[in-house]
PDB file of N, CA and C in Angstrom:
ATOM      1  N   MET A   1       0.844  -1.175   0.000  1.00  0.00           N
ATOM      2  CA  MET A   1       0.000   0.000   0.000  1.00  0.00           C
ATOM      3  C   MET A   1       0.894   1.246   0.000  1.00  0.00           C
ATOM      4  N   THR A   2       0.590   2.172  -0.861  1.00  0.00           N
ATOM      5  CA  THR A   2       1.399   3.388  -0.941  1.00  0.00           C
ATOM      6  C   THR A   2       0.908   4.417   0.070  1.00  0.00           C
ATOM      7  N   GLN A   3       1.845   5.203   0.550  1.00  0.00           N
ATOM      8  CA  GLN A   3       1.515   6.255   1.497  1.00  0.00           C
ATOM      9  C   GLN A   3       0.983   7.467   0.763  1.00  0.00           C
ATOM     10  N   THR A   4       0.060   8.170   1.400  1.00  0.00           N
ATOM     11  CA  THR A   4      -0.444   9.436   0.890  1.00  0.00           C
ATOM     12  C   THR A   4      -0.398  10.438   2.033  1.00  0.00           C
ATOM     13  N   PHE A   5       0.093  11.626   1.732  1.00  0.00           N
ATOM     14  CA  PHE A   5       0.210  12.678   2.729  1.00  0.00           C
ATOM     15  C   PHE A   5      -0.636  13.879   2.332  1.00  0.00           C
ATOM     16  N   LYS A   6      -1.291  14.471   3.316  1.00  0.00           N
ATOM     17  CA  LYS A   6      -1.994  15.729   3.114  1.00  0.00           C
ATOM     18  C   LYS A   6      -1.104  16.811   3.714  1.00  0.00           C
ATOM     19  N   ILE A   7      -0.717  17.786   2.888  1.00  0.00           N
ATOM     20  CA  ILE A   7       0.165  18.861   3.317  1.00  0.00           C
ATOM     21  C   ILE A   7      -0.621  20.165   3.263  1.00  0.00           C
ATOM     22  N   ILE A   8      -0.692  20.856   4.385  1.00  0.00           N
ATOM     23  CA  ILE A   8      -1.364  22.157   4.451  1.00  0.00           C
ATOM     24  C   ILE A   8      -0.293  23.186   4.757  1.00  0.00           C
ATOM     25  N   PHE A   9      -0.200  24.204   3.892  1.00  0.00           N
ATOM     26  CA  PHE A   9       0.832  25.213   4.071  1.00  0.00           C
ATOM     27  C   PHE A   9       0.355  26.564   3.554  1.00  0.00           C
ATOM     28  N   ILE A  10       1.046  27.601   3.973  1.00  0.00           N
ATOM     29  CA  ILE A  10       0.720  28.961   3.562  1.00  0.00           C
ATOM     30  C   ILE A  10       1.635  29.352   2.407  1.00  0.00           C
ATOM     31  N   ASN A  11       1.036  29.910   1.355  1.00  0.00           N
ATOM     32  CA  ASN A  11       1.793  30.381   0.207  1.00  0.00           C
ATOM     33  C   ASN A  11       1.197  31.711  -0.242  1.00  0.00           C
ATOM     34  N   GLN A  12       1.937  32.780  -0.126  1.00  0.00           N
ATOM     35  CA  GLN A  12       1.532  34.122  -0.549  1.00  0.00           C
ATOM     36  C   GLN A  12       0.168  34.511   0.014  1.00  0.00           C
ATOM     37  N   GLY A  13      -0.027  34.271   1.306  1.00  0.00           N
ATOM     38  CA  GLY A  13      -1.252  34.683   1.987  1.00  0.00           C
ATOM     39  C   GLY A  13      -2.428  33.741   1.844  1.00  0.00           C
ATOM     40  N   SER A  14      -2.298  32.689   1.048  1.00  0.00           N
ATOM     41  CA  SER A  14      -3.369  31.708   0.883  1.00  0.00           C
ATOM     42  C   SER A  14      -2.962  30.401   1.545  1.00  0.00           C
ATOM     43  N   VAL A  15      -3.966  29.608   1.926  1.00  0.00           N
ATOM     44  CA  VAL A  15      -3.709  28.305   2.526  1.00  0.00           C
ATOM     45  C   VAL A  15      -3.909  27.237   1.457  1.00  0.00           C
ATOM     46  N   TYR A  16      -2.858  26.479   1.192  1.00  0.00           N
ATOM     47  CA  TYR A  16      -2.878  25.412   0.195  1.00  0.00           C
ATOM     48  C   TYR A  16      -3.049  24.079   0.915  1.00  0.00           C
ATOM     49  N   GLU A  17      -3.875  23.221   0.348  1.00  0.00           N
ATOM     50  CA  GLU A  17      -4.027  21.855   0.845  1.00  0.00           C
ATOM     51  C   GLU A  17      -3.811  20.934  -0.348  1.00  0.00           C
ATOM     52  N   ILE A  18      -2.721  20.177  -0.303  1.00  0.00           N
ATOM     53  CA  ILE A  18      -2.395  19.284  -1.417  1.00  0.00           C
ATOM     54  C   ILE A  18      -2.119  17.885  -0.886  1.00  0.00           C
ATOM     55  N   TYR A  19      -2.120  16.929  -1.803  1.00  0.00           N
ATOM     56  CA  TYR A  19      -1.848  15.538  -1.470  1.00  0.00           C
ATOM     57  C   TYR A  19      -0.637  15.072  -2.257  1.00  0.00           C
ATOM     58  N   SER A  20       0.190  14.262  -1.600  1.00  0.00           N
ATOM     59  CA  SER A  20       1.441  13.840  -2.208  1.00  0.00           C
ATOM     60  C   SER A  20       1.799  12.440  -1.718  1.00  0.00           C
ATOM     61  N   ARG A  21       2.623  11.758  -2.499  1.00  0.00           N
ATOM     62  CA  ARG A  21       3.108  10.427  -2.109  1.00  0.00           C
ATOM     63  C   ARG A  21       4.430  10.499  -1.341  1.00  0.00           C
ATOM     64  N   GLU A  22       5.197  11.572  -1.530  1.00  0.00           N
ATOM     65  CA  GLU A  22       6.517  11.696  -0.907  1.00  0.00           C
ATOM     66  C   GLU A  22       6.668  13.046  -0.217  1.00  0.00           C
ATOM     67  N   VAL A  23       7.016  13.021   1.065  1.00  0.00           N
ATOM     68  CA  VAL A  23       7.314  14.232   1.827  1.00  0.00           C
ATOM     69  C   VAL A  23       8.489  13.894   2.738  1.00  0.00           C
ATOM     70  N   TYR A  24       9.520  14.735   2.702  1.00  0.00           N
ATOM     71  CA  TYR A  24      10.668  14.484   3.571  1.00  0.00           C
ATOM     72  C   TYR A  24      11.464  15.761   3.784  1.00  0.00           C
ATOM     73  N   GLN A  25      12.303  15.729   4.807  1.00  0.00           N
ATOM     74  CA  GLN A  25      13.144  16.885   5.118  1.00  0.00           C
ATOM     75  C   GLN A  25      14.153  17.073   3.996  1.00  0.00           C
ATOM     76  N   SER A  26      14.292  18.303   3.559  1.00  0.00           N
ATOM     77  CA  SER A  26      15.165  18.617   2.441  1.00  0.00           C
ATOM     78  C   SER A  26      16.618  18.711   2.893  1.00  0.00           C
ATOM     79  N   ASP A  27      17.523  18.577   1.934  1.00  0.00           N
ATOM     80  CA  ASP A  27      18.937  18.823   2.197  1.00  0.00           C
ATOM     81  C   ASP A  27      19.191  20.313   2.384  1.00  0.00           C
ATOM     82  N   MET A  28      18.272  21.139   1.847  1.00  0.00           N
ATOM     83  CA  MET A  28      18.375  22.581   2.061  1.00  0.00           C
ATOM     84  C   MET A  28      17.815  22.873   3.443  1.00  0.00           C
ATOM     85  N   TYR A  29      18.623  23.459   4.283  1.00  0.00           N
ATOM     86  CA  TYR A  29      18.238  23.709   5.666  1.00  0.00           C
ATOM     87  C   TYR A  29      16.961  24.549   5.735  1.00  0.00           C
ATOM     88  N   GLY A  30      15.980  24.074   6.521  1.00  0.00           N
ATOM     89  CA  GLY A  30      14.762  24.827   6.749  1.00  0.00           C
ATOM     90  C   GLY A  30      13.654  24.578   5.736  1.00  0.00           C
ATOM     91  N   PHE A  31      13.813  23.582   4.865  1.00  0.00           N
ATOM     92  CA  PHE A  31      12.804  23.297   3.849  1.00  0.00           C
ATOM     93  C   PHE A  31      12.344  21.845   3.940  1.00  0.00           C
ATOM     94  N   VAL A  32      11.101  21.613   3.506  1.00  0.00           N
ATOM     95  CA  VAL A  32      10.548  20.270   3.371  1.00  0.00           C
ATOM     96  C   VAL A  32      10.342  20.022   1.880  1.00  0.00           C
ATOM     97  N   THR A  33      10.729  18.843   1.418  1.00  0.00           N
ATOM     98  CA  THR A  33      10.585  18.480   0.012  1.00  0.00           C
ATOM     99  C   THR A  33       9.280  17.720  -0.190  1.00  0.00           C
ATOM    100  N   VAL A  34       8.548  18.094  -1.245  1.00  0.00           N
ATOM    101  CA  VAL A  34       7.297  17.419  -1.601  1.00  0.00           C
ATOM    102  C   VAL A  34       7.439  16.921  -3.030  1.00  0.00           C
ATOM    103  N   GLU A  35       7.169  15.631  -3.249  1.00  0.00           N
ATOM    104  CA  GLU A  35       7.251  15.014  -4.580  1.00  0.00           C
ATOM    105  C   GLU A  35       5.977  14.240  -4.870  1.00  0.00           C
ATOM    106  N   ASP A  36       5.744  13.982  -6.131  1.00  0.00           N
ATOM    107  CA  ASP A  36       4.653  13.122  -6.597  1.00  0.00           C
ATOM    108  C   ASP A  36       3.298  13.613  -6.084  1.00  0.00           C
ATOM    109  N   ILE A  37       2.899  14.795  -6.541  1.00  0.00           N
ATOM    110  CA  ILE A  37       1.627  15.386  -6.147  1.00  0.00           C
ATOM    111  C   ILE A  37       0.479  14.555  -6.716  1.00  0.00           C
ATOM    112  N   VAL A  38      -0.571  14.364  -5.908  1.00  0.00           N
ATOM    113  CA  VAL A  38      -1.727  13.558  -6.302  1.00  0.00           C
ATOM    114  C   VAL A  38      -2.952  14.462  -6.324  1.00  0.00           C
ATOM    115  N   PHE A  39      -3.696  14.394  -7.407  1.00  0.00           N
ATOM    116  CA  PHE A  39      -4.957  15.114  -7.497  1.00  0.00           C
ATOM    117  C   PHE A  39      -6.083  14.105  -7.521  1.00  0.00           C
ATOM    118  N   GLY A  40      -7.259  14.510  -7.015  1.00  0.00           N
ATOM    119  CA  GLY A  40      -8.409  13.612  -6.935  1.00  0.00           C
ATOM    120  C   GLY A  40      -8.851  13.132  -8.297  1.00  0.00           C
ATOM    121  N   GLU A  41      -9.582  12.024  -8.286  1.00  0.00           N
ATOM    122  CA  GLU A  41     -10.105  11.473  -9.529  1.00  0.00           C
ATOM    123  C   GLU A  41     -11.194  12.374 -10.079  1.00  0.00           C
ATOM    124  N   LYS A  42     -11.266  12.451 -11.391  1.00  0.00           N
ATOM    125  CA  LYS A  42     -12.334  13.222 -12.020  1.00  0.00           C
ATOM    126  C   LYS A  42     -13.623  12.420 -11.935  1.00  0.00           C
ATOM    127  N   SER A  43     -14.639  13.043 -11.377  1.00  0.00           N
ATOM    128  CA  SER A  43     -15.917  12.352 -11.245  1.00  0.00           C
ATOM    129  C   SER A  43     -16.959  13.065 -12.101  1.00  0.00           C
ATOM    130  N   GLY A  44     -17.111  12.596 -13.300  1.00  0.00           N
ATOM    131  CA  GLY A  44     -18.122  13.144 -14.195  1.00  0.00           C
ATOM    132  C   GLY A  44     -17.783  14.547 -14.673  1.00  0.00           C
ATOM    133  N   MET A  45     -18.790  15.400 -14.698  1.00  0.00           N
ATOM    134  CA  MET A  45     -18.652  16.745 -15.242  1.00  0.00           C
ATOM    135  C   MET A  45     -18.301  17.785 -14.179  1.00  0.00           C
ATOM    136  N   VAL A  46     -18.272  17.411 -12.913  1.00  0.00           N
ATOM    137  CA  VAL A  46     -18.012  18.363 -11.847  1.00  0.00           C
ATOM    138  C   VAL A  46     -16.539  18.744 -11.842  1.00  0.00           C
ATOM    139  N   VAL A  47     -16.270  20.046 -11.935  1.00  0.00           N
ATOM    140  CA  VAL A  47     -14.903  20.539 -11.938  1.00  0.00           C
ATOM    141  C   VAL A  47     -14.756  21.531 -10.793  1.00  0.00           C
ATOM    142  N   ASP A  48     -13.761  21.299  -9.955  1.00  0.00           N
ATOM    143  CA  ASP A  48     -13.486  22.208  -8.848  1.00  0.00           C
ATOM    144  C   ASP A  48     -12.473  23.244  -9.324  1.00  0.00           C
ATOM    145  N   PRO A  49     -12.855  24.535  -9.397  1.00  0.00           N
ATOM    146  CA  PRO A  49     -11.941  25.552  -9.911  1.00  0.00           C
ATOM    147  C   PRO A  49     -10.670  25.688  -9.083  1.00  0.00           C
ATOM    148  N   SER A  50     -10.763  25.483  -7.781  1.00  0.00           N
ATOM    149  CA  SER A  50      -9.586  25.584  -6.924  1.00  0.00           C
ATOM    150  C   SER A  50      -8.576  24.487  -7.252  1.00  0.00           C
ATOM    151  N   GLU A  51      -9.080  23.261  -7.445  1.00  0.00           N
ATOM    152  CA  GLU A  51      -8.185  22.157  -7.791  1.00  0.00           C
ATOM    153  C   GLU A  51      -7.611  22.349  -9.189  1.00  0.00           C
ATOM    154  N   GLU A  52      -8.394  22.865 -10.117  1.00  0.00           N
ATOM    155  CA  GLU A  52      -7.896  23.125 -11.469  1.00  0.00           C
ATOM    156  C   GLU A  52      -6.786  24.176 -11.445  1.00  0.00           C
ATOM    157  N   LYS A  53      -6.931  25.193 -10.581  1.00  0.00           N
ATOM    158  CA  LYS A  53      -5.884  26.209 -10.447  1.00  0.00           C
ATOM    159  C   LYS A  53      -4.597  25.577  -9.921  1.00  0.00           C
ATOM    160  N   LEU A  54      -4.732  24.687  -8.942  1.00  0.00           N
ATOM    161  CA  LEU A  54      -3.555  23.997  -8.407  1.00  0.00           C
ATOM    162  C   LEU A  54      -2.900  23.113  -9.461  1.00  0.00           C
ATOM    163  N   LYS A  55      -3.718  22.410 -10.238  1.00  0.00           N
ATOM    164  CA  LYS A  55      -3.174  21.557 -11.294  1.00  0.00           C
ATOM    165  C   LYS A  55      -2.358  22.371 -12.284  1.00  0.00           C
ATOM    166  N   SER A  56      -2.879  23.516 -12.670  1.00  0.00           N
ATOM    167  CA  SER A  56      -2.134  24.331 -13.632  1.00  0.00           C
ATOM    168  C   SER A  56      -0.894  24.957 -12.986  1.00  0.00           C
ATOM    169  N   GLU A  57      -0.986  25.323 -11.707  1.00  0.00           N
ATOM    170  CA  GLU A  57       0.169  25.907 -11.018  1.00  0.00           C
ATOM    171  C   GLU A  57       1.302  24.903 -10.864  1.00  0.00           C
ATOM    172  N   PHE A  58       0.969  23.642 -10.612  1.00  0.00           N
ATOM    173  CA  PHE A  58       1.981  22.616 -10.404  1.00  0.00           C
ATOM    174  C   PHE A  58       2.204  21.739 -11.637  1.00  0.00           C
ATOM    175  N   ASP A  59       1.686  22.158 -12.787  1.00  0.00           N
ATOM    176  CA  ASP A  59       1.874  21.407 -14.024  1.00  0.00           C
ATOM    177  C   ASP A  59       3.367  21.345 -14.366  1.00  0.00           C
ATOM    178  N   GLY A  60       3.870  20.162 -14.536  1.00  0.00           N
ATOM    179  CA  GLY A  60       5.278  19.975 -14.891  1.00  0.00           C
ATOM    180  C   GLY A  60       6.228  19.990 -13.702  1.00  0.00           C
ATOM    181  N   VAL A  61       5.719  20.191 -12.497  1.00  0.00           N
ATOM    182  CA  VAL A  61       6.573  20.214 -11.300  1.00  0.00           C
ATOM    183  C   VAL A  61       6.720  18.787 -10.778  1.00  0.00           C
ATOM    184  N   THR A  62       7.952  18.327 -10.668  1.00  0.00           N
ATOM    185  CA  THR A  62       8.194  16.988 -10.137  1.00  0.00           C
ATOM    186  C   THR A  62       8.527  17.019  -8.652  1.00  0.00           C
ATOM    187  N   ARG A  63       9.074  18.152  -8.201  1.00  0.00           N
ATOM    188  CA  ARG A  63       9.478  18.287  -6.801  1.00  0.00           C
ATOM    189  C   ARG A  63       9.446  19.767  -6.451  1.00  0.00           C
ATOM    190  N   PHE A  64       8.970  20.100  -5.254  1.00  0.00           N
ATOM    191  CA  PHE A  64       9.052  21.483  -4.807  1.00  0.00           C
ATOM    192  C   PHE A  64       9.361  21.515  -3.320  1.00  0.00           C
ATOM    193  N   TYR A  65       9.774  22.684  -2.866  1.00  0.00           N
ATOM    194  CA  TYR A  65      10.256  22.855  -1.501  1.00  0.00           C
ATOM    195  C   TYR A  65       9.402  23.893  -0.781  1.00  0.00           C
ATOM    196  N   ILE A  66       9.026  23.577   0.450  1.00  0.00           N
ATOM    197  CA  ILE A  66       8.232  24.488   1.264  1.00  0.00           C
ATOM    198  C   ILE A  66       9.079  24.893   2.464  1.00  0.00           C
ATOM    199  N   PRO A  67       9.187  26.200   2.719  1.00  0.00           N
ATOM    200  CA  PRO A  67       9.888  26.606   3.946  1.00  0.00           C
ATOM    201  C   PRO A  67       9.160  26.044   5.171  1.00  0.00           C
ATOM    202  N   MET A  68       9.925  25.522   6.119  1.00  0.00           N
ATOM    203  CA  MET A  68       9.329  24.883   7.285  1.00  0.00           C
ATOM    204  C   MET A  68       8.359  25.789   8.039  1.00  0.00           C
ATOM    205  N   HIS A  69       8.658  27.081   8.099  1.00  0.00           N
ATOM    206  CA  HIS A  69       7.781  27.973   8.858  1.00  0.00           C
ATOM    207  C   HIS A  69       6.466  28.258   8.136  1.00  0.00           C
ATOM    208  N   ASN A  70       6.308  27.812   6.891  1.00  0.00           N
ATOM    209  CA  ASN A  70       5.051  27.979   6.157  1.00  0.00           C
ATOM    210  C   ASN A  70       4.129  26.766   6.307  1.00  0.00           C
ATOM    211  N   ILE A  71       4.633  25.691   6.857  1.00  0.00           N
ATOM    212  CA  ILE A  71       3.838  24.469   6.983  1.00  0.00           C
ATOM    213  C   ILE A  71       2.933  24.571   8.201  1.00  0.00           C
ATOM    214  N   ILE A  72       1.663  24.284   7.971  1.00  0.00           N
ATOM    215  CA  ILE A  72       0.697  24.268   9.063  1.00  0.00           C
ATOM    216  C   ILE A  72       0.579  22.854   9.620  1.00  0.00           C
ATOM    217  N   ARG A  73       0.492  21.875   8.697  1.00  0.00           N
ATOM    218  CA  ARG A  73       0.281  20.501   9.142  1.00  0.00           C
ATOM    219  C   ARG A  73       0.604  19.528   8.013  1.00  0.00           C
ATOM    220  N   ILE A  74       1.111  18.352   8.390  1.00  0.00           N
ATOM    221  CA  ILE A  74       1.307  17.247   7.450  1.00  0.00           C
ATOM    222  C   ILE A  74       0.689  16.007   8.089  1.00  0.00           C
ATOM    223  N   ASP A  75      -0.248  15.377   7.367  1.00  0.00           N
ATOM    224  CA  ASP A  75      -0.917  14.175   7.863  1.00  0.00           C
ATOM    225  C   ASP A  75      -0.706  13.037   6.876  1.00  0.00           C
ATOM    226  N   GLU A  76      -0.518  11.824   7.390  1.00  0.00           N
ATOM    227  CA  GLU A  76      -0.566  10.642   6.535  1.00  0.00           C
ATOM    228  C   GLU A  76      -2.021  10.202   6.522  1.00  0.00           C
ATOM    229  N   VAL A  77      -2.604  10.092   5.321  1.00  0.00           N
ATOM    230  CA  VAL A  77      -4.018   9.768   5.186  1.00  0.00           C
ATOM    231  C   VAL A  77      -4.187   8.469   4.401  1.00  0.00           C
ATOM    232  N   LYS A  78      -5.357   7.860   4.526  1.00  0.00           N
ATOM    233  CA  LYS A  78      -5.629   6.621   3.809  1.00  0.00           C
ATOM    234  C   LYS A  78      -6.007   6.872   2.357  1.00  0.00           C
ATOM    235  N   LYS A  79      -6.642   8.027   2.109  1.00  0.00           N
ATOM    236  CA  LYS A  79      -7.147   8.311   0.770  1.00  0.00           C
ATOM    237  C   LYS A  79      -6.998   9.796   0.501  1.00  0.00           C
ATOM    238  N   GLU A  80      -6.600  10.139  -0.728  1.00  0.00           N
ATOM    239  CA  GLU A  80      -6.467  11.561  -1.055  1.00  0.00           C
ATOM    240  C   GLU A  80      -7.837  12.201  -1.204  1.00  0.00           C
ATOM    241  N   GLY A  81      -7.880  13.477  -0.909  1.00  0.00           N
ATOM    242  CA  GLY A  81      -9.100  14.252  -1.059  1.00  0.00           C
ATOM    243  C   GLY A  81      -8.925  15.251  -2.183  1.00  0.00           C
ATOM    244  N   VAL A  82      -9.695  16.314  -2.127  1.00  0.00           N
ATOM    245  CA  VAL A  82      -9.645  17.343  -3.151  1.00  0.00           C
ATOM    246  C   VAL A  82      -8.635  18.396  -2.741  1.00  0.00           C
ATOM    247  N   ALA A  83      -7.663  18.641  -3.615  1.00  0.00           N
ATOM    248  CA  ALA A  83      -6.688  19.699  -3.366  1.00  0.00           C
ATOM    249  C   ALA A  83      -7.398  21.037  -3.494  1.00  0.00           C
ATOM    250  N   LYS A  84      -7.005  22.004  -2.649  1.00  0.00           N
ATOM    251  CA  LYS A  84      -7.704  23.280  -2.703  1.00  0.00           C
ATOM    252  C   LYS A  84      -6.820  24.408  -2.202  1.00  0.00           C
ATOM    253  N   ILE A  85      -7.234  25.611  -2.565  1.00  0.00           N
ATOM    254  CA  ILE A  85      -6.616  26.836  -2.086  1.00  0.00           C
ATOM    255  C   ILE A  85      -7.718  27.634  -1.409  1.00  0.00           C
ATOM    256  N   SER A  86      -7.442  28.121  -0.211  1.00  0.00           N
ATOM    257  CA  SER A  86      -8.416  28.976   0.475  1.00  0.00           C
ATOM    258  C   SER A  86      -7.690  30.196   1.012  1.00  0.00           C
ATOM    259  N   SER A  87      -8.462  31.243   1.229  1.00  0.00           N
ATOM    260  CA  SER A  87      -7.850  32.448   1.780  1.00  0.00           C
ATOM    261  C   SER A  87      -7.571  32.221   3.254  1.00  0.00           C
ATOM    262  N   GLY A  88      -6.504  32.778   3.744  1.00  0.00           N
ATOM    263  CA  GLY A  88      -6.133  32.610   5.144  1.00  0.00           C
ATOM    264  C   GLY A  88      -7.118  33.233   6.098  1.00  0.00           C
ATOM    265  N   SER A  89      -7.930  34.172   5.625  1.00  0.00           N
ATOM    266  CA  SER A  89      -8.839  34.884   6.520  1.00  0.00           C
ATOM    267  C   SER A  89     -10.062  34.057   6.906  1.00  0.00           C
ATOM    268  N   GLU A  90     -10.476  33.107   6.055  1.00  0.00           N
ATOM    269  CA  GLU A  90     -11.680  32.349   6.382  1.00  0.00           C
ATOM    270  C   GLU A  90     -11.379  31.147   7.268  1.00  0.00           C
ATOM    271  N   ASP A  91     -10.127  30.800   7.404  1.00  0.00           N
ATOM    272  CA  ASP A  91      -9.738  29.690   8.270  1.00  0.00           C
ATOM    273  C   ASP A  91      -9.296  30.231   9.625  1.00  0.00           C
ATOM    274  N   ASN A  92      -9.083  29.338  10.545  1.00  0.00           N
ATOM    275  CA  ASN A  92      -8.573  29.727  11.854  1.00  0.00           C
ATOM    276  C   ASN A  92      -7.060  29.699  11.862  1.00  0.00           C
ATOM    277  N   VAL A  93      -6.454  30.112  10.777  1.00  0.00           N
ATOM    278  CA  VAL A  93      -5.006  30.093  10.648  1.00  0.00           C
ATOM    279  C   VAL A  93      -4.497  31.514  10.763  1.00  0.00           C
ATOM    280  N   LYS A  94      -3.583  31.708  11.665  1.00  0.00           N
ATOM    281  CA  LYS A  94      -2.962  33.015  11.828  1.00  0.00           C
ATOM    282  C   LYS A  94      -1.496  32.890  11.456  1.00  0.00           C
ATOM    283  N   PRO A  95      -0.968  33.829  10.664  1.00  0.00           N
ATOM    284  CA  PRO A  95       0.443  33.749  10.319  1.00  0.00           C
ATOM    285  C   PRO A  95       1.312  33.969  11.551  1.00  0.00           C
ATOM    286  N   PHE A  96       2.475  33.357  11.526  1.00  0.00           N
ATOM    287  CA  PHE A  96       3.423  33.534  12.613  1.00  0.00           C
ATOM    288  C   PHE A  96       3.811  35.000  12.685  1.00  0.00           C
ATOM    289  N   PRO A  97       3.775  35.598  13.886  1.00  0.00           N
ATOM    290  CA  PRO A  97       4.090  37.022  13.965  1.00  0.00           C
ATOM    291  C   PRO A  97       5.509  37.311  13.512  1.00  0.00           C
ATOM    292  N   ALA A  98       5.631  38.298  12.682  1.00  0.00           N
ATOM    293  CA  ALA A  98       6.954  38.680  12.188  1.00  0.00           C
ATOM    294  C   ALA A  98       7.167  40.150  12.507  1.00  0.00           C
ATOM    295  N   GLY A  99       8.351  40.522  12.593  1.00  0.00           N
ATOM    296  CA  GLY A  99       8.671  41.909  12.887  1.00  0.00           C
ATOM    297  C   GLY A  99       9.959  41.973  13.674  1.00  0.00           C
ATOM    298  N   SER A 100      10.320  43.162  14.026  1.00  0.00           N
ATOM    299  CA  SER A 100      11.568  43.305  14.752  1.00  0.00           C
ATOM    300  C   SER A 100      11.342  43.102  16.241  1.00  0.00           C
ATOM    301  N   ILE A 101      12.310  42.511  16.854  1.00  0.00           N
ATOM    302  CA  ILE A 101      12.271  42.295  18.294  1.00  0.00           C
ATOM    303  C   ILE A 101      13.347  43.179  18.902  1.00  0.00           C
ATOM    304  N   THR A 102      12.954  43.994  19.847  1.00  0.00           N
ATOM    305  CA  THR A 102      13.933  44.850  20.513  1.00  0.00           C
ATOM    306  C   THR A 102      14.246  44.268  21.877  1.00  0.00           C
ATOM    307  N   ILE A 103      15.501  44.257  22.199  1.00  0.00           N
ATOM    308  CA  ILE A 103      15.948  43.744  23.486  1.00  0.00           C
ATOM    309  C   ILE A 103      16.290  44.946  24.356  1.00  0.00           C
ATOM    310  N   PRO A 104      15.607  45.077  25.487  1.00  0.00           N
ATOM    311  CA  PRO A 104      15.905  46.219  26.345  1.00  0.00           C
ATOM    312  C   PRO A 104      17.310  46.098  26.928  1.00  0.00           C
ATOM    313  N   PRO A 105      17.936  47.217  27.218  1.00  0.00           N
ATOM    314  CA  PRO A 105      19.276  47.156  27.787  1.00  0.00           C
ATOM    315  C   PRO A 105      19.253  46.496  29.160  1.00  0.00           C
ATOM    316  N   SER A 106      20.282  45.772  29.435  1.00  0.00           N
ATOM    317  CA  SER A 106      20.400  45.080  30.714  1.00  0.00           C
ATOM    318  C   SER A 106      20.803  46.069  31.798  1.00  0.00           C
ATOM    319  N   PRO A 107      20.195  45.986  32.986  1.00  0.00           N
ATOM    320  CA  PRO A 107      20.601  46.902  34.060  1.00  0.00           C
ATOM    321  C   PRO A 107      22.023  46.635  34.531  1.00  0.00           C
ATOM    322  N   ASN A 108      22.549  45.407  34.237  1.00  0.00           N
ATOM    323  CA  ASN A 108      23.918  45.074  34.634  1.00  0.00           C
ATOM    324  C   ASN A 108      24.941  45.581  33.638  1.00  0.00           C
ATOM    325  N   ASN A 109      24.482  45.982  32.462  1.00  0.00           N
ATOM    326  CA  ASN A 109      25.389  46.462  31.416  1.00  0.00           C
ATOM    327  C   ASN A 109      25.449  47.976  31.513  1.00  0.00           C
ATOM    328  N   ASN A 110      26.377  48.475  32.278  1.00  0.00           N
ATOM    329  CA  ASN A 110      26.498  49.916  32.504  1.00  0.00           C
ATOM    330  C   ASN A 110      27.736  50.404  31.794  1.00  0.00           C
ATOM    331  N   GLU A 111      27.573  51.290  30.834  1.00  0.00           N
ATOM    332  CA  GLU A 111      28.709  51.784  30.041  1.00  0.00           C
ATOM    333  C   GLU A 111      29.517  52.846  30.781  1.00  0.00           C
ATOM    334  N   ASN A 112      29.054  53.320  31.906  1.00  0.00           N
ATOM    335  CA  ASN A 112      29.748  54.371  32.630  1.00  0.00           C
ATOM    336  C   ASN A 112      30.767  53.835  33.617  1.00  0.00           C
ATOM    337  N   ASN A 113      31.132  52.579  33.568  1.00  0.00           N
ATOM    338  CA  ASN A 113      32.100  52.010  34.515  1.00  0.00           C
ATOM    339  C   ASN A 113      33.490  52.459  34.249  1.00  0.00           C
TER     340      ASN A 113
END
């Protein structure tokens, strides 16, 4: 039985949910490698525009890398579902806070000694 993984990650402000057969830590520090993307079976005339957008975005891609801090979750699943893109605002996903961190001066560090 082959493994299937559901990978949920943030890409340019949107939340991507894709399915893949291979996921592993990359040789590039801080990245996860995703290979062999799986899309759901076509069932009749119903076409999901979100999945079609993903198919065209990843057309011809054999392997891609996701920065570790963009990954929300990776699950091993029994069956692939529908790949989709959703806006980050409608989910309960908040981006990791970014910005500058200021360190207050230490009271023990006195330059007047």
